[in-house]
Amino acid sequence: MATSPQSELSACCAPLMSEAISATDAIALAARFKALGDPTRVRLLSMVAAHDGAEACVCDLTEPVGLSQPTVSHHLKILVDAGLLSRTKRGIWSYYAVVPGSLEGLAATLAAGAPAGS
């Protein structure tokens, strides 16, 4: 069965997003993606998400990435500032956990054009 050129055009050129992202959401989303623009930070986020209890101490993250504790802490701070990780202090150590919904929010934005904070 042949399809008309118009139906082929509508199928291939349908909007990818249901609505354009707002300026505020674009700023927040860009900050998250900028934070993930470094392979070490992507690895650290993945390691925290996969760690026992869904949180990890900075002391557990330095050896696997082969960087010093201050460098790892710097990368983790960027992820915290971007809203991807949360940080709690326990004595002299900092523990990091994935912010609930942050990764799902990124995935939803990419998949369906949902606002960055959702």
C-alpha atoms as a PDB file:
ATOM      1  CA  MET A   1       0.000   0.000   0.000  1.00  0.00           C
ATOM      2  CA  ALA A   2       1.491   3.308  -1.041  1.00  0.00           C
ATOM      3  CA  THR A   3       1.700   6.230   1.339  1.00  0.00           C
ATOM      4  CA  SER A   4       1.274   9.780   0.252  1.00  0.00           C
ATOM      5  CA  PRO A   5       4.218  12.180   0.373  1.00  0.00           C
ATOM      6  CA  GLN A   6       2.244  14.292   2.873  1.00  0.00           C
ATOM      7  CA  SER A   7       1.792  11.393   5.342  1.00  0.00           C
ATOM      8  CA  GLU A   8       5.481  10.512   5.051  1.00  0.00           C
ATOM      9  CA  LEU A   9       6.383  14.150   5.702  1.00  0.00           C
ATOM     10  CA  SER A  10       4.162  14.325   8.796  1.00  0.00           C
ATOM     11  CA  ALA A  11       5.606  11.102  10.175  1.00  0.00           C
ATOM     12  CA  CYS A  12       9.227  12.097   9.700  1.00  0.00           C
ATOM     13  CA  CYS A  13       8.847  15.721  10.741  1.00  0.00           C
ATOM     14  CA  ALA A  14       6.611  15.364  13.788  1.00  0.00           C
ATOM     15  CA  PRO A  15       7.788  17.454  16.746  1.00  0.00           C
ATOM     16  CA  LEU A  16      10.067  15.555  19.105  1.00  0.00           C
ATOM     17  CA  MET A  17       8.830  17.425  22.163  1.00  0.00           C
ATOM     18  CA  SER A  18       5.297  18.222  23.249  1.00  0.00           C
ATOM     19  CA  GLU A  19       6.306  21.769  24.202  1.00  0.00           C
ATOM     20  CA  ALA A  20       9.413  23.909  24.272  1.00  0.00           C
ATOM     21  CA  ILE A  21      11.359  24.004  27.506  1.00  0.00           C
ATOM     22  CA  SER A  22      11.162  27.219  29.531  1.00  0.00           C
ATOM     23  CA  ALA A  23      14.205  29.464  29.954  1.00  0.00           C
ATOM     24  CA  THR A  24      14.423  28.596  33.659  1.00  0.00           C
ATOM     25  CA  ASP A  25      14.233  24.858  33.001  1.00  0.00           C
ATOM     26  CA  ALA A  26      16.803  25.204  30.205  1.00  0.00           C
ATOM     27  CA  ILE A  27      19.283  26.803  32.610  1.00  0.00           C
ATOM     28  CA  ALA A  28      18.799  24.038  35.187  1.00  0.00           C
ATOM     29  CA  LEU A  29      19.011  21.316  32.549  1.00  0.00           C
ATOM     30  CA  ALA A  30      22.156  22.808  30.997  1.00  0.00           C
ATOM     31  CA  ALA A  31      23.830  22.884  34.436  1.00  0.00           C
ATOM     32  CA  ARG A  32      23.082  19.187  34.919  1.00  0.00           C
ATOM     33  CA  PHE A  33      24.381  18.237  31.503  1.00  0.00           C
ATOM     34  CA  LYS A  34      27.446  20.436  31.968  1.00  0.00           C
ATOM     35  CA  ALA A  35      28.161  18.593  35.217  1.00  0.00           C
ATOM     36  CA  LEU A  36      27.896  15.312  33.312  1.00  0.00           C
ATOM     37  CA  GLY A  37      30.229  16.571  30.582  1.00  0.00           C
ATOM     38  CA  ASP A  38      33.211  15.028  32.347  1.00  0.00           C
ATOM     39  CA  PRO A  39      33.737  11.233  32.243  1.00  0.00           C
ATOM     40  CA  THR A  40      35.007  11.161  35.835  1.00  0.00           C
ATOM     41  CA  ARG A  41      31.804  12.787  37.082  1.00  0.00           C
ATOM     42  CA  VAL A  42      29.688  10.355  35.075  1.00  0.00           C
ATOM     43  CA  ARG A  43      31.601   7.485  36.687  1.00  0.00           C
ATOM     44  CA  LEU A  44      31.274   8.979  40.168  1.00  0.00           C
ATOM     45  CA  LEU A  45      27.518   9.451  39.758  1.00  0.00           C
ATOM     46  CA  SER A  46      27.211   5.874  38.529  1.00  0.00           C
ATOM     47  CA  MET A  47      29.305   4.568  41.423  1.00  0.00           C
ATOM     48  CA  VAL A  48      27.229   6.414  44.018  1.00  0.00           C
ATOM     49  CA  ALA A  49      23.991   5.156  42.453  1.00  0.00           C
ATOM     50  CA  ALA A  50      25.273   1.561  42.464  1.00  0.00           C
ATOM     51  CA  HIS A  51      26.855   1.663  45.938  1.00  0.00           C
ATOM     52  CA  ASP A  52      25.412  -0.301  48.881  1.00  0.00           C
ATOM     53  CA  GLY A  53      22.581   1.658  50.472  1.00  0.00           C
ATOM     54  CA  ALA A  54      22.550   4.039  47.487  1.00  0.00           C
ATOM     55  CA  GLU A  55      25.116   6.304  49.135  1.00  0.00           C
ATOM     56  CA  ALA A  56      28.892   6.384  49.183  1.00  0.00           C
ATOM     57  CA  CYS A  57      31.603   7.991  51.267  1.00  0.00           C
ATOM     58  CA  VAL A  58      34.156  10.077  49.416  1.00  0.00           C
ATOM     59  CA  CYS A  59      36.753   7.766  50.960  1.00  0.00           C
ATOM     60  CA  ASP A  60      35.266   4.858  48.958  1.00  0.00           C
ATOM     61  CA  LEU A  61      35.365   6.724  45.647  1.00  0.00           C
ATOM     62  CA  THR A  62      38.974   7.880  45.362  1.00  0.00           C
ATOM     63  CA  GLU A  63      40.696   4.583  44.626  1.00  0.00           C
ATOM     64  CA  PRO A  64      38.304   3.366  41.886  1.00  0.00           C
ATOM     65  CA  VAL A  65      38.756   6.558  39.842  1.00  0.00           C
ATOM     66  CA  GLY A  66      42.479   6.826  40.602  1.00  0.00           C
ATOM     67  CA  LEU A  67      42.339  10.437  41.743  1.00  0.00           C
ATOM     68  CA  SER A  68      43.231  12.206  44.974  1.00  0.00           C
ATOM     69  CA  GLN A  69      40.578  12.871  47.599  1.00  0.00           C
ATOM     70  CA  PRO A  70      40.552  16.657  46.962  1.00  0.00           C
ATOM     71  CA  THR A  71      40.044  16.103  43.226  1.00  0.00           C
ATOM     72  CA  VAL A  72      37.234  13.606  43.806  1.00  0.00           C
ATOM     73  CA  SER A  73      35.629  16.007  46.299  1.00  0.00           C
ATOM     74  CA  HIS A  74      35.778  18.771  43.679  1.00  0.00           C
ATOM     75  CA  HIS A  75      33.994  16.576  41.116  1.00  0.00           C
ATOM     76  CA  LEU A  76      31.400  15.553  43.698  1.00  0.00           C
ATOM     77  CA  LYS A  77      30.767  19.208  44.616  1.00  0.00           C
ATOM     78  CA  ILE A  78      29.986  19.959  40.975  1.00  0.00           C
ATOM     79  CA  LEU A  79      27.464  17.097  40.945  1.00  0.00           C
ATOM     80  CA  VAL A  80      25.923  18.408  44.190  1.00  0.00           C
ATOM     81  CA  ASP A  81      25.723  21.962  42.815  1.00  0.00           C
ATOM     82  CA  ALA A  82      23.986  20.596  39.702  1.00  0.00           C
ATOM     83  CA  GLY A  83      21.338  18.928  41.868  1.00  0.00           C
ATOM     84  CA  LEU A  84      22.321  15.368  40.974  1.00  0.00           C
ATOM     85  CA  LEU A  85      23.837  14.356  44.318  1.00  0.00           C
ATOM     86  CA  SER A  86      23.169  15.312  47.930  1.00  0.00           C
ATOM     87  CA  ARG A  87      25.873  15.461  50.603  1.00  0.00           C
ATOM     88  CA  THR A  88      25.777  14.759  54.335  1.00  0.00           C
ATOM     89  CA  LYS A  89      28.688  15.125  56.742  1.00  0.00           C
ATOM     90  CA  ARG A  90      29.415  12.414  59.305  1.00  0.00           C
ATOM     91  CA  GLY A  91      32.413  13.321  61.383  1.00  0.00           C
ATOM     92  CA  ILE A  92      35.224  14.155  58.998  1.00  0.00           C
ATOM     93  CA  TRP A  93      33.731  12.261  56.040  1.00  0.00           C
ATOM     94  CA  SER A  94      31.157  13.318  53.473  1.00  0.00           C
ATOM     95  CA  TYR A  95      28.601  10.864  52.168  1.00  0.00           C
ATOM     96  CA  TYR A  96      26.894  11.307  48.808  1.00  0.00           C
ATOM     97  CA  ALA A  97      23.559  10.019  47.505  1.00  0.00           C
ATOM     98  CA  VAL A  98      21.687  10.487  44.236  1.00  0.00           C
ATOM     99  CA  VAL A  99      18.967  13.122  44.612  1.00  0.00           C
ATOM    100  CA  PRO A 100      15.662  11.259  44.253  1.00  0.00           C
ATOM    101  CA  GLY A 101      14.135  11.863  40.840  1.00  0.00           C
ATOM    102  CA  SER A 102      17.121  13.735  39.402  1.00  0.00           C
ATOM    103  CA  LEU A 103      18.168  11.026  36.956  1.00  0.00           C
ATOM    104  CA  GLU A 104      14.574  10.241  36.027  1.00  0.00           C
ATOM    105  CA  GLY A 105      14.046  13.952  35.391  1.00  0.00           C
ATOM    106  CA  LEU A 106      16.945  14.046  32.945  1.00  0.00           C
ATOM    107  CA  ALA A 107      15.698  10.938  31.174  1.00  0.00           C
ATOM    108  CA  ALA A 108      12.144  12.289  30.966  1.00  0.00           C
ATOM    109  CA  THR A 109      13.387  15.573  29.530  1.00  0.00           C
ATOM    110  CA  LEU A 110      15.314  13.779  26.836  1.00  0.00           C
ATOM    111  CA  ALA A 111      12.552  11.311  26.058  1.00  0.00           C
ATOM    112  CA  ALA A 112       9.429  13.442  26.107  1.00  0.00           C
ATOM    113  CA  GLY A 113      10.318  17.064  26.625  1.00  0.00           C
ATOM    114  CA  ALA A 114       9.176  17.159  30.240  1.00  0.00           C
ATOM    115  CA  PRO A 115      10.421  20.051  32.383  1.00  0.00           C
ATOM    116  CA  ALA A 116      13.940  19.578  33.782  1.00  0.00           C
ATOM    117  CA  GLY A 117      12.790  19.506  37.406  1.00  0.00           C
ATOM    118  CA  SER A 118      10.263  16.736  36.969  1.00  0.00           C
END
